[in-house]
Amino acid sequence: AGPGSYTVGTMSERFDCHYCRDPLQGKKYVQKEGRHCCVKCFEKFCANTCTECKKPIGADSKELHFKNRYWHDNCFRCFKCYTSLVNEPFMLRENNKVWCSNCTAAADAPRCKGCFKPIIAGDQNVEYKKMVWHKDCFTCSQCKQVIGSGSFFPKGDDFYCVSCHEHKFAKTCAKCKNPITSGGLTYQEQPWHSECFICSNCKKQLGGKRFTAVEDEFYCVECYKECVAKKCAGCKNPITAGFGRGTSVVNYEDESWHDYCFKCTKCARGLANKRFVCHNGKIYCAECPKRL
């Protein structure tokens, strides 16, 4: 902004006011564009109008101008904070309002979605999907603790810290009852941590492997054969009915046989689903005991 283009002085020679024709000798006058006029006529016909207060800028006032706009020096203040902008950087904005550089920066800055105040240069902030927060305004929707630049989980318009998301949304392991945050598996419609779904004997993980369940305990093939499965009274090997082979089992008193091992001690005829005779702890077909 700069001063106006006119001079003010006291007339020593005889001149009349260009407008009212009153003599100016010995009086204060204004010279503008080659014309001499009294102070009163200057304000009435020649003075610029202040862009801010809309009143004439008189000959005794200090005038500032910028891009064909004029202000009293006392009117040249920031529209937002009212700081004088004489000899200070400024911005001419909408409705011919002048703003200081600080207020301009704040007005043009993005707004925090949390507190709705501007985020100015130098503020720590968090951005997500074209939204922005002050770092301390980005908080968990559940516990209200500051998430800041930490990990979070979005759910609709809400955001959750890792701990709250685990307790509110994560599935709970059927064994340890803690949340399953990643991976895991399902058995009989119940979720499990992979590290919780293990063989009850050797503790190896069973995910993706063959296993069998016995009274809420799980066993891998090897441990089931070794520790759980009944031994065949015929071949003395485990009866692993749950693994495909030997699915048919013969039980008699306190002993068990594979169906293909349940045969006559003398003639080796298969006796599964047939009549048999037990003599001195051994199994015979109905005919062989007569030949003993």
Protein backbone atom coordinates (compact mmCIF):
# COMPACT_ATOMS: atom_id res chain seq x y z
CA ALA A 1 0.00 0.00 0.00
CA GLY A 2 1.20 3.54 -0.68
CA PRO A 3 0.22 7.19 -0.02
CA GLY A 4 -2.32 9.20 -2.00
CA SER A 5 -1.33 11.39 -5.00
CA TYR A 6 -2.07 14.89 -3.76
CA THR A 7 -0.32 17.65 -1.77
CA VAL A 8 -1.55 19.73 1.17
CA GLY A 9 -0.23 23.19 2.02
CA THR A 10 -1.08 26.81 2.95
CA MET A 11 -1.71 29.22 0.05
CA SER A 12 0.51 32.35 0.14
CA GLU A 13 -0.64 33.73 -3.21
CA ARG A 14 -4.13 34.68 -4.25
CA PHE A 15 -6.06 31.70 -5.58
CA ASP A 16 -9.68 30.77 -5.38
CA CYS A 17 -11.05 27.29 -4.64
CA HIS A 18 -11.73 25.46 -7.90
CA TYR A 19 -15.16 24.37 -6.64
CA CYS A 20 -16.64 26.96 -4.25
CA ARG A 21 -14.55 29.93 -5.52
CA ASP A 22 -13.68 31.01 -1.95
CA PRO A 23 -10.27 32.69 -1.71
CA LEU A 24 -7.50 30.38 -0.52
CA GLN A 25 -4.83 32.94 0.36
CA GLY A 26 -3.65 32.27 3.88
CA LYS A 27 -5.82 29.15 4.15
CA LYS A 28 -5.06 25.46 4.06
CA TYR A 29 -5.65 23.99 0.63
CA VAL A 30 -5.25 20.77 -1.34
CA GLN A 31 -3.69 20.49 -4.79
CA LYS A 32 -4.74 17.49 -6.84
CA GLU A 33 -4.38 16.97 -10.57
CA GLY A 34 -3.38 20.65 -11.01
CA ARG A 35 -6.43 21.99 -9.18
CA HIS A 36 -6.44 23.91 -5.92
CA CYS A 37 -9.35 23.47 -3.57
CA CYS A 38 -10.26 24.10 0.03
CA VAL A 39 -10.22 21.24 2.53
CA LYS A 40 -14.00 21.14 2.69
CA CYS A 41 -14.44 20.82 -1.08
CA PHE A 42 -11.64 18.27 -1.25
CA GLU A 43 -13.50 15.96 1.09
CA LYS A 44 -16.76 16.60 -0.78
CA PHE A 45 -15.53 16.23 -4.38
CA CYS A 46 -12.04 14.75 -4.50
CA ALA A 47 -11.32 12.53 -1.48
CA ASN A 48 -11.19 8.77 -1.89
CA THR A 49 -13.63 6.61 0.05
CA CYS A 50 -12.15 4.20 2.60
CA THR A 51 -12.75 0.59 1.49
CA GLU A 52 -13.29 -0.45 5.12
CA CYS A 53 -15.36 2.25 6.84
CA LYS A 54 -16.88 3.76 3.63
CA LYS A 55 -16.11 7.32 4.80
CA PRO A 56 -14.05 9.94 2.88
CA ILE A 57 -10.33 9.99 3.54
CA GLY A 58 -9.76 13.63 4.44
CA ALA A 59 -6.77 15.78 3.66
CA ASP A 60 -5.49 15.48 7.25
CA SER A 61 -5.75 11.68 7.24
CA LYS A 62 -3.03 9.26 6.25
CA GLU A 63 -4.14 7.29 3.22
CA LEU A 64 -3.06 3.83 2.03
CA HIS A 65 -3.94 2.35 -1.34
CA PHE A 66 -3.63 -1.02 -3.08
CA LYS A 67 -5.04 -2.03 -6.45
CA ASN A 68 -7.34 1.01 -6.75
CA ARG A 69 -8.62 0.54 -3.22
CA TYR A 70 -8.07 3.06 -0.43
CA TRP A 71 -8.00 2.95 3.38
CA HIS A 72 -7.50 5.25 6.33
CA ASP A 73 -4.30 4.09 7.99
CA ASN A 74 -6.32 3.28 11.12
CA CYS A 75 -8.73 1.17 9.04
CA PHE A 76 -5.98 -0.87 7.42
CA ARG A 77 -6.23 -3.76 9.90
CA CYS A 78 -6.56 -7.53 9.68
CA PHE A 79 -10.20 -8.51 9.27
CA LYS A 80 -9.77 -11.42 11.72
CA CYS A 81 -7.38 -10.30 14.47
CA TYR A 82 -7.52 -6.49 13.96
CA THR A 83 -3.74 -6.17 13.91
CA SER A 84 -2.54 -3.06 12.05
CA LEU A 85 -1.15 -4.01 8.65
CA VAL A 86 0.72 -0.75 8.00
CA ASN A 87 4.17 -1.87 6.81
CA GLU A 88 3.17 -5.52 7.39
CA PRO A 89 2.53 -8.34 4.86
CA PHE A 90 -1.16 -8.80 4.05
CA MET A 91 -3.59 -10.54 1.71
CA LEU A 92 -6.61 -8.92 0.04
CA ARG A 93 -9.42 -11.50 0.23
CA GLU A 94 -13.13 -11.70 -0.54
CA ASN A 95 -15.31 -8.61 0.07
CA ASN A 96 -12.17 -6.40 -0.08
CA LYS A 97 -11.09 -7.53 3.40
CA VAL A 98 -7.39 -7.48 4.24
CA TRP A 99 -5.93 -10.34 6.31
CA CYS A 100 -2.56 -10.71 7.98
CA SER A 101 -0.34 -13.60 6.88
CA ASN A 102 -1.00 -15.62 10.06
CA CYS A 103 -4.79 -15.45 9.75
CA THR A 104 -4.56 -16.19 6.03
CA ALA A 105 -2.53 -19.34 6.73
CA ALA A 106 -4.97 -20.44 9.42
CA ALA A 107 -8.02 -19.85 7.22
CA ASP A 108 -6.57 -21.76 4.29
CA ALA A 109 -5.30 -24.64 6.43
CA PRO A 110 -7.19 -27.97 6.54
CA ARG A 111 -9.52 -28.48 9.50
CA CYS A 112 -8.98 -31.20 12.09
CA LYS A 113 -11.81 -33.74 12.02
CA GLY A 114 -11.51 -34.05 15.79
CA CYS A 115 -11.49 -30.47 17.14
CA PHE A 116 -12.39 -28.67 13.84
CA LYS A 117 -9.57 -26.19 14.37
CA PRO A 118 -7.06 -25.49 11.56
CA ILE A 119 -3.97 -27.63 11.17
CA ILE A 120 -1.19 -25.17 10.42
CA ALA A 121 2.32 -25.76 9.16
CA GLY A 122 4.45 -27.52 11.75
CA ASP A 123 1.54 -29.26 13.51
CA GLN A 124 1.89 -33.03 13.82
CA ASN A 125 -1.07 -34.61 12.09
CA VAL A 126 -2.60 -37.89 10.96
CA GLU A 127 -4.13 -38.34 7.49
CA TYR A 128 -6.53 -41.11 6.44
CA LYS A 129 -8.72 -41.20 3.31
CA LYS A 130 -8.55 -37.43 2.69
CA MET A 131 -9.35 -36.71 6.35
CA VAL A 132 -6.86 -35.12 8.71
CA TRP A 133 -6.51 -34.83 12.50
CA HIS A 134 -4.09 -33.20 14.89
CA LYS A 135 -1.97 -36.06 16.21
CA ASP A 136 -3.43 -35.64 19.72
CA CYS A 137 -7.00 -35.47 18.34
CA PHE A 138 -6.82 -38.87 16.65
CA THR A 139 -8.23 -41.03 19.45
CA CYS A 140 -9.80 -44.47 19.88
CA SER A 141 -13.61 -44.42 19.64
CA GLN A 142 -13.80 -46.92 22.50
CA CYS A 143 -11.21 -46.01 25.16
CA LYS A 144 -10.64 -42.40 23.97
CA GLN A 145 -6.87 -42.80 24.31
CA VAL A 146 -4.69 -41.04 21.73
CA ILE A 147 -3.80 -43.33 18.81
CA GLY A 148 -1.56 -40.73 17.17
CA SER A 149 0.70 -42.41 14.63
CA GLY A 150 0.10 -45.89 16.10
CA SER A 151 -1.76 -48.81 14.53
CA PHE A 152 -5.57 -48.61 14.31
CA PHE A 153 -8.59 -50.35 12.80
CA PRO A 154 -11.32 -48.36 10.98
CA LYS A 155 -14.96 -49.43 11.41
CA GLY A 156 -17.36 -47.17 9.54
CA ASP A 157 -16.84 -43.67 10.97
CA ASP A 158 -15.07 -45.02 14.06
CA PHE A 159 -11.43 -45.86 14.72
CA TYR A 160 -10.16 -48.35 17.28
CA CYS A 161 -6.77 -48.97 18.83
CA VAL A 162 -5.42 -52.52 18.55
CA SER A 163 -6.45 -53.50 22.08
CA CYS A 164 -10.05 -52.25 21.81
CA HIS A 165 -10.49 -53.78 18.37
CA GLU A 166 -9.34 -57.15 19.67
CA HIS A 167 -11.80 -57.13 22.56
CA LYS A 168 -14.71 -55.68 20.59
CA PHE A 169 -14.49 -57.46 17.24
CA ALA A 170 -11.93 -60.27 17.23
CA LYS A 171 -13.01 -63.92 17.60
CA THR A 172 -12.12 -65.60 20.88
CA CYS A 173 -10.04 -68.78 20.91
CA ALA A 174 -12.00 -71.81 22.17
CA LYS A 175 -9.03 -72.89 24.30
CA CYS A 176 -7.24 -69.85 25.74
CA LYS A 177 -10.22 -67.45 25.44
CA ASN A 178 -7.98 -64.68 24.10
CA PRO A 179 -8.76 -62.75 20.87
CA ILE A 180 -7.58 -64.12 17.53
CA THR A 181 -6.07 -61.16 15.71
CA SER A 182 -4.65 -62.98 12.69
CA GLY A 183 -4.57 -66.45 11.19
CA GLY A 184 -6.22 -69.13 13.34
CA LEU A 185 -8.43 -72.03 12.28
CA THR A 186 -11.93 -73.40 12.83
CA TYR A 187 -12.89 -76.83 14.15
CA GLN A 188 -16.52 -77.80 14.69
CA GLU A 189 -17.54 -74.16 14.15
CA GLN A 190 -15.24 -72.91 16.92
CA PRO A 191 -12.23 -70.63 16.34
CA TRP A 192 -8.76 -71.54 17.59
CA HIS A 193 -5.32 -69.98 17.59
CA SER A 194 -3.04 -72.18 15.48
CA GLU A 195 -0.71 -72.44 18.45
CA CYS A 196 -3.58 -73.57 20.70
CA PHE A 197 -4.84 -76.34 18.39
CA ILE A 198 -2.13 -78.88 19.26
CA CYS A 199 -1.60 -82.57 20.03
CA SER A 200 -2.30 -83.22 23.70
CA ASN A 201 0.72 -85.49 23.91
CA CYS A 202 3.58 -84.10 21.79
CA LYS A 203 2.26 -80.49 21.61
CA LYS A 204 2.80 -80.19 17.85
CA GLN A 205 0.38 -77.93 15.96
CA LEU A 206 -2.34 -79.88 14.16
CA GLY A 207 -3.46 -77.28 11.62
CA GLY A 208 -3.52 -78.87 8.16
CA LYS A 209 -2.56 -82.30 9.55
CA ARG A 210 -4.48 -85.51 10.23
CA PHE A 211 -5.62 -85.87 13.82
CA THR A 212 -8.34 -87.46 15.92
CA ALA A 213 -10.32 -86.16 18.90
CA VAL A 214 -10.84 -88.22 22.05
CA GLU A 215 -12.95 -86.71 24.84
CA ASP A 216 -12.07 -83.09 23.96
CA GLU A 217 -8.40 -83.93 23.49
CA PHE A 218 -6.64 -83.91 20.12
CA TYR A 219 -3.92 -86.28 18.99
CA CYS A 220 -1.69 -86.49 15.93
CA VAL A 221 -1.55 -89.85 14.11
CA GLU A 222 1.66 -91.01 15.83
CA CYS A 223 0.58 -90.11 19.36
CA TYR A 224 -2.87 -91.61 18.90
CA LYS A 225 -1.34 -94.90 17.83
CA GLU A 226 1.21 -94.88 20.62
CA CYS A 227 -0.75 -93.54 23.58
CA VAL A 228 -4.48 -93.81 22.94
CA ALA A 229 -5.43 -96.47 20.40
CA LYS A 230 -6.24 -99.98 21.62
CA LYS A 231 -3.84 -102.71 20.59
CA CYS A 232 -5.21 -105.50 18.42
CA ALA A 233 -5.25 -108.81 20.35
CA GLY A 234 -4.29 -110.51 17.09
CA CYS A 235 -1.48 -108.52 15.44
CA LYS A 236 -0.63 -106.40 18.53
CA ASN A 237 -0.64 -103.22 16.40
CA PRO A 238 -2.76 -100.12 17.23
CA ILE A 239 -6.35 -100.15 16.01
CA THR A 240 -6.51 -96.71 14.36
CA ALA A 241 -10.12 -96.74 13.39
CA GLY A 242 -10.10 -92.97 12.96
CA PHE A 243 -7.50 -92.96 10.18
CA GLY A 244 -9.13 -94.99 7.43
CA ARG A 245 -7.64 -98.47 7.77
CA GLY A 246 -9.26 -100.98 10.16
CA THR A 247 -12.42 -98.98 10.49
CA SER A 248 -14.24 -102.21 11.43
CA VAL A 249 -13.37 -103.42 14.92
CA VAL A 250 -14.36 -106.57 16.79
CA ASN A 251 -14.69 -106.30 20.56
CA TYR A 252 -14.99 -109.27 22.87
CA GLU A 253 -14.85 -108.96 26.64
CA ASP A 254 -11.87 -106.63 27.33
CA GLU A 255 -10.04 -107.17 24.07
CA SER A 256 -10.31 -105.79 20.54
CA TRP A 257 -9.26 -106.96 17.08
CA HIS A 258 -9.05 -105.52 13.61
CA ASP A 259 -11.87 -107.26 11.72
CA TYR A 260 -9.26 -108.90 9.46
CA CYS A 261 -7.30 -110.12 12.53
CA PHE A 262 -10.34 -111.75 14.18
CA LYS A 263 -9.87 -115.29 12.82
CA CYS A 264 -9.72 -118.91 13.93
CA THR A 265 -6.51 -119.78 15.76
CA LYS A 266 -6.37 -123.20 14.02
CA CYS A 267 -7.69 -122.76 10.46
CA ALA A 268 -7.28 -118.97 10.13
CA ARG A 269 -10.83 -118.56 8.85
CA GLY A 270 -12.10 -115.01 9.30
CA LEU A 271 -14.68 -114.89 12.08
CA ALA A 272 -15.97 -111.31 11.87
CA ASN A 273 -19.78 -111.43 11.98
CA LYS A 274 -19.63 -115.25 12.33
CA ARG A 275 -20.05 -117.71 15.15
CA PHE A 276 -16.91 -118.41 17.17
CA VAL A 277 -15.76 -120.24 20.25
CA CYS A 278 -13.35 -119.00 22.92
CA HIS A 279 -11.24 -121.84 24.41
CA ASN A 280 -8.32 -121.26 26.80
CA GLY A 281 -8.19 -117.60 25.79
CA LYS A 282 -8.03 -118.33 22.06
CA ILE A 283 -10.60 -117.84 19.34
CA TYR A 284 -11.80 -120.74 17.13
CA CYS A 285 -14.41 -121.24 14.51
CA ALA A 286 -17.37 -123.42 15.45
CA GLU A 287 -15.80 -126.54 13.85
CA CYS A 288 -12.17 -126.48 14.97
CA PRO A 289 -12.70 -127.05 18.73
CA LYS A 290 -14.18 -130.47 17.85
CA ARG A 291 -10.89 -131.44 16.23
CA LEU A 292 -8.73 -130.46 19.18
